PDB file of N, CA and C in Angstrom:
ATOM      1  N   MET A   1     107.049 119.937  78.831  1.00  0.00           N
ATOM      2  CA  MET A   1     106.971 121.321  78.231  1.00  0.00           C
ATOM      3  C   MET A   1     105.413 121.669  78.291  1.00  0.00           C
ATOM      4  N   TRP A   2     105.144 122.760  78.858  1.00  0.00           N
ATOM      5  CA  TRP A   2     103.833 123.257  78.919  1.00  0.00           C
ATOM      6  C   TRP A   2     103.420 123.967  77.654  1.00  0.00           C
ATOM      7  N   SER A   3     102.094 123.693  77.224  1.00  0.00           N
ATOM      8  CA  SER A   3     101.760 124.606  75.953  1.00  0.00           C
ATOM      9  C   SER A   3     101.587 125.951  76.377  1.00  0.00           C
ATOM     10  N   PRO A   4     101.735 126.739  75.274  1.00  0.00           N
ATOM     11  CA  PRO A   4     101.585 128.303  75.423  1.00  0.00           C
ATOM     12  C   PRO A   4     100.445 128.669  76.224  1.00  0.00           C
ATOM     13  N   ASP A   5      99.252 127.947  76.046  1.00  0.00           N
ATOM     14  CA  ASP A   5      97.981 128.300  76.765  1.00  0.00           C
ATOM     15  C   ASP A   5      97.857 127.722  78.058  1.00  0.00           C
ATOM     16  N   GLY A   6      98.944 126.785  78.387  1.00  0.00           N
ATOM     17  CA  GLY A   6      98.857 126.234  79.702  1.00  0.00           C
ATOM     18  C   GLY A   6      97.888 124.970  79.748  1.00  0.00           C
ATOM     19  N   ALA A   7      97.363 124.543  78.717  1.00  0.00           N
ATOM     20  CA  ALA A   7      96.261 123.507  78.751  1.00  0.00           C
ATOM     21  C   ALA A   7      96.892 122.240  78.775  1.00  0.00           C
ATOM     22  N   TRP A   8      98.063 122.009  78.257  1.00  0.00           N
ATOM     23  CA  TRP A   8      98.713 120.628  77.900  1.00  0.00           C
ATOM     24  C   TRP A   8     100.121 120.535  78.381  1.00  0.00           C
ATOM     25  N   LEU A   9     100.455 119.470  78.810  1.00  0.00           N
ATOM     26  CA  LEU A   9     101.807 119.156  79.113  1.00  0.00           C
ATOM     27  C   LEU A   9     102.419 118.112  78.124  1.00  0.00           C
ATOM     28  N   LEU A  10     103.431 118.411  77.365  1.00  0.00           N
ATOM     29  CA  LEU A  10     104.018 117.565  76.497  1.00  0.00           C
ATOM     30  C   LEU A  10     105.332 116.936  76.947  1.00  0.00           C
ATOM     31  N   PHE A  11     105.487 115.623  76.719  1.00  0.00           N
ATOM     32  CA  PHE A  11     106.695 115.092  77.188  1.00  0.00           C
ATOM     33  C   PHE A  11     107.111 113.819  76.335  1.00  0.00           C
ATOM     34  N   ALA A  12     108.381 113.513  76.550  1.00  0.00           N
ATOM     35  CA  ALA A  12     108.976 112.339  75.745  1.00  0.00           C
ATOM     36  C   ALA A  12     109.075 111.135  76.785  1.00  0.00           C
ATOM     37  N   SER A  13     108.780 110.003  76.479  1.00  0.00           N
ATOM     38  CA  SER A  13     108.960 108.870  77.387  1.00  0.00           C
ATOM     39  C   SER A  13     109.026 107.559  76.661  1.00  0.00           C
ATOM     40  N   ASP A  14     109.684 106.593  77.328  1.00  0.00           N
ATOM     41  CA  ASP A  14     109.850 105.266  76.864  1.00  0.00           C
ATOM     42  C   ASP A  14     108.879 104.412  77.706  1.00  0.00           C
ATOM     43  N   ARG A  15     107.647 104.713  77.396  1.00  0.00           N
ATOM     44  CA  ARG A  15     106.514 104.184  78.170  1.00  0.00           C
ATOM     45  C   ARG A  15     106.485 102.677  77.970  1.00  0.00           C
ATOM     46  N   ALA A  16     106.794 102.097  76.875  1.00  0.00           N
ATOM     47  CA  ALA A  16     106.710 100.681  76.407  1.00  0.00           C
ATOM     48  C   ALA A  16     107.942 100.087  76.957  1.00  0.00           C
ATOM     49  N   GLY A  17     108.950 100.732  77.359  1.00  0.00           N
ATOM     50  CA  GLY A  17     110.142 100.131  77.833  1.00  0.00           C
ATOM     51  C   GLY A  17     111.068  99.350  76.785  1.00  0.00           C
ATOM     52  N   LEU A  18     110.967  99.910  75.646  1.00  0.00           N
ATOM     53  CA  LEU A  18     111.608  99.286  74.510  1.00  0.00           C
ATOM     54  C   LEU A  18     112.788 100.173  74.113  1.00  0.00           C
ATOM     55  N   ASP A  19     113.246 101.107  74.758  1.00  0.00           N
ATOM     56  CA  ASP A  19     114.339 101.995  74.427  1.00  0.00           C
ATOM     57  C   ASP A  19     113.854 102.820  73.243  1.00  0.00           C
ATOM     58  N   ARG A  20     112.613 103.083  73.078  1.00  0.00           N
ATOM     59  CA  ARG A  20     112.063 103.804  71.969  1.00  0.00           C
ATOM     60  C   ARG A  20     111.192 104.952  72.566  1.00  0.00           C
ATOM     61  N   TYR A  21     111.738 106.282  72.360  1.00  0.00           N
ATOM     62  CA  TYR A  21     110.848 107.298  73.021  1.00  0.00           C
ATOM     63  C   TYR A  21     109.986 107.824  71.972  1.00  0.00           C
ATOM     64  N   ASN A  22     108.769 108.055  72.461  1.00  0.00           N
ATOM     65  CA  ASN A  22     107.665 108.874  71.648  1.00  0.00           C
ATOM     66  C   ASN A  22     107.220 110.068  72.478  1.00  0.00           C
ATOM     67  N   LEU A  23     106.422 110.916  71.883  1.00  0.00           N
ATOM     68  CA  LEU A  23     105.935 112.139  72.528  1.00  0.00           C
ATOM     69  C   LEU A  23     104.621 111.902  72.868  1.00  0.00           C
ATOM     70  N   TYR A  24     104.239 112.374  74.066  1.00  0.00           N
ATOM     71  CA  TYR A  24     102.795 112.237  74.601  1.00  0.00           C
ATOM     72  C   TYR A  24     102.505 113.587  75.273  1.00  0.00           C
ATOM     73  N   ARG A  25     101.114 113.730  75.203  1.00  0.00           N
ATOM     74  CA  ARG A  25     100.542 114.942  75.938  1.00  0.00           C
ATOM     75  C   ARG A  25      99.438 114.541  76.944  1.00  0.00           C
ATOM     76  N   VAL A  26      99.209 115.328  77.910  1.00  0.00           N
ATOM     77  CA  VAL A  26      98.253 115.129  78.847  1.00  0.00           C
ATOM     78  C   VAL A  26      97.670 116.506  79.297  1.00  0.00           C
ATOM     79  N   PRO A  27      96.447 116.502  79.571  1.00  0.00           N
ATOM     80  CA  PRO A  27      95.716 117.798  80.054  1.00  0.00           C
ATOM     81  C   PRO A  27      96.333 118.485  81.290  1.00  0.00           C
ATOM     82  N   ALA A  28      96.562 119.600  81.442  1.00  0.00           N
ATOM     83  CA  ALA A  28      97.198 120.256  82.361  1.00  0.00           C
ATOM     84  C   ALA A  28      96.488 119.978  83.819  1.00  0.00           C
ATOM     85  N   GLY A  29      95.152 119.594  83.734  1.00  0.00           N
ATOM     86  CA  GLY A  29      94.454 119.455  84.862  1.00  0.00           C
ATOM     87  C   GLY A  29      94.544 117.987  85.430  1.00  0.00           C
ATOM     88  N   CYS A  30      95.312 117.052  84.769  1.00  0.00           N
ATOM     89  CA  CYS A  30      95.421 115.808  85.209  1.00  0.00           C
ATOM     90  C   CYS A  30      96.206 115.694  86.550  1.00  0.00           C
ATOM     91  N   ARG A  31      95.780 114.777  87.458  1.00  0.00           N
ATOM     92  CA  ARG A  31      96.377 114.709  88.724  1.00  0.00           C
ATOM     93  C   ARG A  31      97.174 113.355  88.849  1.00  0.00           C
ATOM     94  N   THR A  32      97.986 113.356  89.821  1.00  0.00           N
ATOM     95  CA  THR A  32      98.876 112.227  90.003  1.00  0.00           C
ATOM     96  C   THR A  32      98.542 111.510  91.352  1.00  0.00           C
ATOM     97  N   PRO A  33      98.991 110.395  91.748  1.00  0.00           N
ATOM     98  CA  PRO A  33      98.607 109.629  92.943  1.00  0.00           C
ATOM     99  C   PRO A  33      99.059 110.473  94.162  1.00  0.00           C
ATOM    100  N   GLY A  34     100.126 111.342  94.130  1.00  0.00           N
ATOM    101  CA  GLY A  34     100.538 112.141  95.321  1.00  0.00           C
ATOM    102  C   GLY A  34      99.696 113.405  95.549  1.00  0.00           C
ATOM    103  N   ASP A  35      98.645 113.601  94.808  1.00  0.00           N
ATOM    104  CA  ASP A  35      97.862 114.782  95.044  1.00  0.00           C
ATOM    105  C   ASP A  35      96.558 114.324  95.903  1.00  0.00           C
ATOM    106  N   GLY A  36      96.479 113.284  96.499  1.00  0.00           N
ATOM    107  CA  GLY A  36      95.437 112.892  97.281  1.00  0.00           C
ATOM    108  C   GLY A  36      94.243 112.307  96.648  1.00  0.00           C
ATOM    109  N   LEU A  37      94.377 112.036  95.333  1.00  0.00           N
ATOM    110  CA  LEU A  37      93.200 111.347  94.604  1.00  0.00           C
ATOM    111  C   LEU A  37      93.399 109.786  94.674  1.00  0.00           C
ATOM    112  N   GLY A  38      94.604 109.346  95.014  1.00  0.00           N
ATOM    113  CA  GLY A  38      94.803 107.955  95.096  1.00  0.00           C
ATOM    114  C   GLY A  38      94.887 107.320  93.768  1.00  0.00           C
ATOM    115  N   VAL A  39      94.703 105.938  93.804  1.00  0.00           N
ATOM    116  CA  VAL A  39      94.864 105.079  92.600  1.00  0.00           C
ATOM    117  C   VAL A  39      93.795 105.461  91.463  1.00  0.00           C
ATOM    118  N   SER A  40      92.684 105.662  92.017  1.00  0.00           N
ATOM    119  CA  SER A  40      91.551 106.162  90.924  1.00  0.00           C
ATOM    120  C   SER A  40      91.984 107.312  90.207  1.00  0.00           C
ATOM    121  N   GLY A  41      92.559 108.278  90.950  1.00  0.00           N
ATOM    122  CA  GLY A  41      93.046 109.560  90.231  1.00  0.00           C
ATOM    123  C   GLY A  41      94.111 109.239  89.326  1.00  0.00           C
ATOM    124  N   ALA A  42      95.093 108.273  89.643  1.00  0.00           N
ATOM    125  CA  ALA A  42      96.099 107.948  88.891  1.00  0.00           C
ATOM    126  C   ALA A  42      95.613 107.228  87.521  1.00  0.00           C
ATOM    127  N   ALA A  43      94.635 106.349  87.666  1.00  0.00           N
ATOM    128  CA  ALA A  43      93.986 105.707  86.534  1.00  0.00           C
ATOM    129  C   ALA A  43      93.302 106.653  85.693  1.00  0.00           C
ATOM    130  N   ALA A  44      92.602 107.596  86.164  1.00  0.00           N
ATOM    131  CA  ALA A  44      91.951 108.539  85.196  1.00  0.00           C
ATOM    132  C   ALA A  44      92.967 109.494  84.574  1.00  0.00           C
ATOM    133  N   CYS A  45      94.001 109.811  85.215  1.00  0.00           N
ATOM    134  CA  CYS A  45      95.163 110.569  84.593  1.00  0.00           C
ATOM    135  C   CYS A  45      95.723 109.752  83.331  1.00  0.00           C
ATOM    136  N   GLU A  46      96.004 108.562  83.763  1.00  0.00           N
ATOM    137  CA  GLU A  46      96.622 107.575  82.633  1.00  0.00           C
ATOM    138  C   GLU A  46      95.736 107.513  81.444  1.00  0.00           C
ATOM    139  N   ALA A  47      94.484 107.473  81.656  1.00  0.00           N
ATOM    140  CA  ALA A  47      93.462 107.324  80.580  1.00  0.00           C
ATOM    141  C   ALA A  47      93.544 108.578  79.654  1.00  0.00           C
ATOM    142  N   GLN A  48      93.967 109.702  80.278  1.00  0.00           N
ATOM    143  CA  GLN A  48      93.902 110.958  79.502  1.00  0.00           C
ATOM    144  C   GLN A  48      95.297 111.247  78.636  1.00  0.00           C
ATOM    145  N   ILE A  49      96.278 110.450  78.891  1.00  0.00           N
ATOM    146  CA  ILE A  49      97.512 110.660  78.135  1.00  0.00           C
ATOM    147  C   ILE A  49      97.385 110.153  76.747  1.00  0.00           C
ATOM    148  N   GLU A  50      97.756 111.114  75.823  1.00  0.00           N
ATOM    149  CA  GLU A  50      97.628 110.807  74.292  1.00  0.00           C
ATOM    150  C   GLU A  50      98.952 110.634  73.709  1.00  0.00           C
ATOM    151  N   LEU A  51      99.119 109.714  72.878  1.00  0.00           N
ATOM    152  CA  LEU A  51     100.267 109.452  72.170  1.00  0.00           C
ATOM    153  C   LEU A  51     100.276 110.516  70.980  1.00  0.00           C
ATOM    154  N   VAL A  52     101.365 111.293  70.771  1.00  0.00           N
ATOM    155  CA  VAL A  52     101.458 112.275  69.840  1.00  0.00           C
ATOM    156  C   VAL A  52     102.360 111.803  68.597  1.00  0.00           C
ATOM    157  N   THR A  53     103.399 110.965  68.971  1.00  0.00           N
ATOM    158  CA  THR A  53     104.208 110.480  67.858  1.00  0.00           C
ATOM    159  C   THR A  53     104.395 109.006  68.125  1.00  0.00           C
ATOM    160  N   ASP A  54     104.482 108.228  67.005  1.00  0.00           N
ATOM    161  CA  ASP A  54     104.583 106.695  67.242  1.00  0.00           C
ATOM    162  C   ASP A  54     105.582 106.240  66.092  1.00  0.00           C
ATOM    163  N   ALA A  55     106.867 106.418  66.337  1.00  0.00           N
ATOM    164  CA  ALA A  55     107.819 106.065  65.373  1.00  0.00           C
ATOM    165  C   ALA A  55     108.370 104.620  65.830  1.00  0.00           C
ATOM    166  N   PRO A  56     108.222 103.564  65.125  1.00  0.00           N
ATOM    167  CA  PRO A  56     108.594 102.226  65.604  1.00  0.00           C
ATOM    168  C   PRO A  56     110.078 101.997  65.863  1.00  0.00           C
ATOM    169  N   ASP A  57     110.832 102.501  65.098  1.00  0.00           N
ATOM    170  CA  ASP A  57     112.303 102.419  65.167  1.00  0.00           C
ATOM    171  C   ASP A  57     113.027 103.658  65.437  1.00  0.00           C
ATOM    172  N   ALA A  58     112.450 104.581  66.114  1.00  0.00           N
ATOM    173  CA  ALA A  58     113.087 105.852  66.224  1.00  0.00           C
ATOM    174  C   ALA A  58     112.838 106.408  67.663  1.00  0.00           C
ATOM    175  N   ALA A  59     113.623 107.410  68.115  1.00  0.00           N
ATOM    176  CA  ALA A  59     113.408 108.141  69.236  1.00  0.00           C
ATOM    177  C   ALA A  59     113.059 109.515  68.956  1.00  0.00           C
ATOM    178  N   ASP A  60     111.972 109.939  69.550  1.00  0.00           N
ATOM    179  CA  ASP A  60     111.388 111.355  69.362  1.00  0.00           C
ATOM    180  C   ASP A  60     111.527 112.113  70.735  1.00  0.00           C
ATOM    181  N   VAL A  61     112.352 113.090  70.858  1.00  0.00           N
ATOM    182  CA  VAL A  61     112.826 113.652  72.092  1.00  0.00           C
ATOM    183  C   VAL A  61     112.726 115.166  71.955  1.00  0.00           C
ATOM    184  N   TYR A  62     113.030 115.761  73.009  1.00  0.00           N
ATOM    185  CA  TYR A  62     113.160 117.266  73.185  1.00  0.00           C
ATOM    186  C   TYR A  62     112.059 118.026  72.568  1.00  0.00           C
ATOM    187  N   PRO A  63     110.690 117.719  73.120  1.00  0.00           N
ATOM    188  CA  PRO A  63     109.647 118.483  72.536  1.00  0.00           C
ATOM    189  C   PRO A  63     109.557 119.911  72.706  1.00  0.00           C
ATOM    190  N   SER A  64     108.999 120.730  72.015  1.00  0.00           N
ATOM    191  CA  SER A  64     108.816 122.022  72.283  1.00  0.00           C
ATOM    192  C   SER A  64     107.649 122.567  71.320  1.00  0.00           C
ATOM    193  N   TRP A  65     106.893 123.630  71.827  1.00  0.00           N
ATOM    194  CA  TRP A  65     105.674 124.156  71.183  1.00  0.00           C
ATOM    195  C   TRP A  65     106.240 125.294  70.231  1.00  0.00           C
ATOM    196  N   ALA A  66     105.593 125.289  68.967  1.00  0.00           N
ATOM    197  CA  ALA A  66     105.759 126.323  68.037  1.00  0.00           C
ATOM    198  C   ALA A  66     104.505 127.184  68.070  1.00  0.00           C
ATOM    199  N   PRO A  67     104.527 128.343  67.420  1.00  0.00           N
ATOM    200  CA  PRO A  67     103.383 129.072  67.148  1.00  0.00           C
ATOM    201  C   PRO A  67     102.322 128.266  66.358  1.00  0.00           C
ATOM    202  N   GLY A  68     101.018 128.530  66.690  1.00  0.00           N
ATOM    203  CA  GLY A  68      99.941 127.820  66.123  1.00  0.00           C
ATOM    204  C   GLY A  68      99.777 126.451  66.748  1.00  0.00           C
ATOM    205  N   ALA A  69     100.261 126.172  68.047  1.00  0.00           N
ATOM    206  CA  ALA A  69     100.050 124.879  68.684  1.00  0.00           C
ATOM    207  C   ALA A  69     100.797 123.771  68.053  1.00  0.00           C
ATOM    208  N   ARG A  70     101.651 124.023  67.145  1.00  0.00           N
ATOM    209  CA  ARG A  70     102.498 123.011  66.528  1.00  0.00           C
ATOM    210  C   ARG A  70     103.482 122.473  67.355  1.00  0.00           C
ATOM    211  N   ILE A  71     104.087 121.276  67.105  1.00  0.00           N
ATOM    212  CA  ILE A  71     105.110 120.749  68.111  1.00  0.00           C
ATOM    213  C   ILE A  71     106.247 120.497  67.258  1.00  0.00           C
ATOM    214  N   LEU A  72     107.399 120.910  67.864  1.00  0.00           N
ATOM    215  CA  LEU A  72     108.666 120.586  67.231  1.00  0.00           C
ATOM    216  C   LEU A  72     109.418 119.701  68.135  1.00  0.00           C
ATOM    217  N   PHE A  73     110.278 118.731  67.513  1.00  0.00           N
ATOM    218  CA  PHE A  73     111.028 117.843  68.374  1.00  0.00           C
ATOM    219  C   PHE A  73     112.167 117.202  67.459  1.00  0.00           C
ATOM    220  N   ALA A  74     113.231 116.681  68.202  1.00  0.00           N
ATOM    221  CA  ALA A  74     114.283 116.114  67.586  1.00  0.00           C
ATOM    222  C   ALA A  74     113.916 114.546  67.405  1.00  0.00           C
ATOM    223  N   SER A  75     114.320 113.957  66.309  1.00  0.00           N
ATOM    224  CA  SER A  75     114.089 112.573  66.103  1.00  0.00           C
ATOM    225  C   SER A  75     115.208 111.768  65.426  1.00  0.00           C
ATOM    226  N   SER A  76     115.282 110.515  65.667  1.00  0.00           N
ATOM    227  CA  SER A  76     116.418 109.724  65.146  1.00  0.00           C
ATOM    228  C   SER A  76     115.846 108.917  63.870  1.00  0.00           C
ATOM    229  N   ARG A  77     114.591 109.333  63.343  1.00  0.00           N
ATOM    230  CA  ARG A  77     114.070 108.702  62.188  1.00  0.00           C
ATOM    231  C   ARG A  77     115.026 108.653  61.104  1.00  0.00           C
ATOM    232  N   GLY A  78     115.193 107.470  60.395  1.00  0.00           N
ATOM    233  CA  GLY A  78     116.122 107.421  59.391  1.00  0.00           C
ATOM    234  C   GLY A  78     117.492 107.213  59.704  1.00  0.00           C
ATOM    235  N   GLY A  79     117.760 107.091  61.165  1.00  0.00           N
ATOM    236  CA  GLY A  79     119.123 106.813  61.557  1.00  0.00           C
ATOM    237  C   GLY A  79     119.924 108.144  61.902  1.00  0.00           C
ATOM    238  N   VAL A  80     119.156 109.221  61.585  1.00  0.00           N
ATOM    239  CA  VAL A  80     119.852 110.651  61.741  1.00  0.00           C
ATOM    240  C   VAL A  80     119.040 111.374  62.915  1.00  0.00           C
ATOM    241  N   THR A  81     119.694 111.972  63.696  1.00  0.00           N
ATOM    242  CA  THR A  81     119.032 112.817  64.802  1.00  0.00           C
ATOM    243  C   THR A  81     119.159 114.304  64.265  1.00  0.00           C
TER     244      THR A  81
END
Protein backbone atom coordinates (compact mmCIF):
# COMPACT_ATOMS: atom_id res chain seq x y z
CA MET A 1 0.00 0.00 0.00
CA TRP A 2 1.57 3.26 -1.14
CA SER A 3 1.51 6.22 1.25
CA PRO A 4 -0.67 9.15 0.16
CA ASP A 5 2.43 11.21 -0.67
CA GLY A 6 4.01 8.30 -2.57
CA ALA A 7 7.09 8.30 -0.32
CA TRP A 8 6.57 4.89 1.33
CA LEU A 9 5.39 1.39 0.54
CA LEU A 10 3.68 -0.33 3.49
CA PHE A 11 3.33 -4.12 3.50
CA ALA A 12 2.61 -7.13 5.72
CA SER A 13 5.10 -9.97 5.70
CA ASP A 14 6.13 -13.11 7.56
CA ARG A 15 9.78 -12.18 7.08
CA ALA A 16 10.89 -14.29 10.07
CA GLY A 17 9.13 -17.37 8.70
CA LEU A 18 7.31 -17.98 11.99
CA ASP A 19 3.75 -17.68 10.63
CA ARG A 20 3.61 -14.30 12.34
CA TYR A 21 2.91 -11.31 10.13
CA ASN A 22 4.14 -7.83 10.96
CA LEU A 23 3.95 -4.55 9.08
CA TYR A 24 6.96 -3.03 7.38
CA ARG A 25 7.63 0.07 5.33
CA VAL A 26 10.28 0.89 2.78
CA PRO A 27 11.07 4.15 0.96
CA ALA A 28 9.49 4.35 -2.48
CA GLY A 29 12.88 4.86 -4.12
CA CYS A 30 14.16 1.49 -2.91
CA ARG A 31 15.28 -0.77 -5.74
CA THR A 32 15.17 -4.54 -6.17
CA PRO A 33 17.61 -6.98 -7.79
CA GLY A 34 15.63 -7.02 -11.05
CA ASP A 35 16.19 -3.31 -11.63
CA GLY A 36 19.79 -3.69 -12.75
CA LEU A 37 21.41 -2.76 -9.45
CA GLY A 38 22.28 -6.38 -8.65
CA VAL A 39 22.93 -7.82 -5.21
CA SER A 40 24.40 -4.61 -3.79
CA GLY A 41 21.17 -2.80 -4.70
CA ALA A 42 19.11 -5.52 -3.02
CA ALA A 43 21.23 -5.27 0.14
CA ALA A 44 20.81 -1.49 0.20
CA CYS A 45 17.06 -1.90 -0.18
CA GLU A 46 16.92 -4.55 2.56
CA ALA A 47 18.74 -2.19 4.93
CA GLN A 48 16.02 0.45 4.39
CA ILE A 49 13.08 -1.78 5.37
CA GLU A 50 11.64 -0.62 8.68
CA LEU A 51 9.62 -2.75 11.09
CA VAL A 52 6.37 -0.90 11.89
CA THR A 53 4.64 -3.45 14.17
CA ASP A 54 6.17 -6.21 16.25
CA ALA A 55 3.51 -8.37 17.89
CA PRO A 56 5.13 -11.58 19.18
CA ASP A 57 2.00 -13.75 19.12
CA ALA A 58 -0.20 -12.02 16.59
CA ALA A 59 -0.64 -11.36 12.90
CA ASP A 60 -0.87 -7.75 11.70
CA VAL A 61 -2.30 -7.64 8.17
CA TYR A 62 -4.24 -5.53 5.63
CA PRO A 63 -2.39 -2.24 6.16
CA SER A 64 -3.88 1.02 4.97
CA TRP A 65 -2.98 4.68 5.32
CA ALA A 66 -5.25 7.03 7.26
CA PRO A 67 -5.20 10.85 7.21
CA GLY A 68 -2.20 12.35 8.97
CA ALA A 69 0.09 9.49 7.83
CA ARG A 70 -1.37 7.16 10.45
CA ILE A 71 -1.56 3.46 9.69
CA LEU A 72 -4.64 1.28 10.04
CA PHE A 73 -4.45 -2.52 10.05
CA ALA A 74 -6.21 -5.67 11.17
CA SER A 75 -4.60 -7.70 13.94
CA SER A 76 -5.13 -10.97 15.77
CA ARG A 77 -3.78 -9.50 19.04
CA GLY A 78 -5.58 -10.95 21.99
CA GLY A 79 -6.78 -13.84 19.83
CA VAL A 80 -9.38 -11.68 18.04
CA THR A 81 -9.05 -10.31 14.52
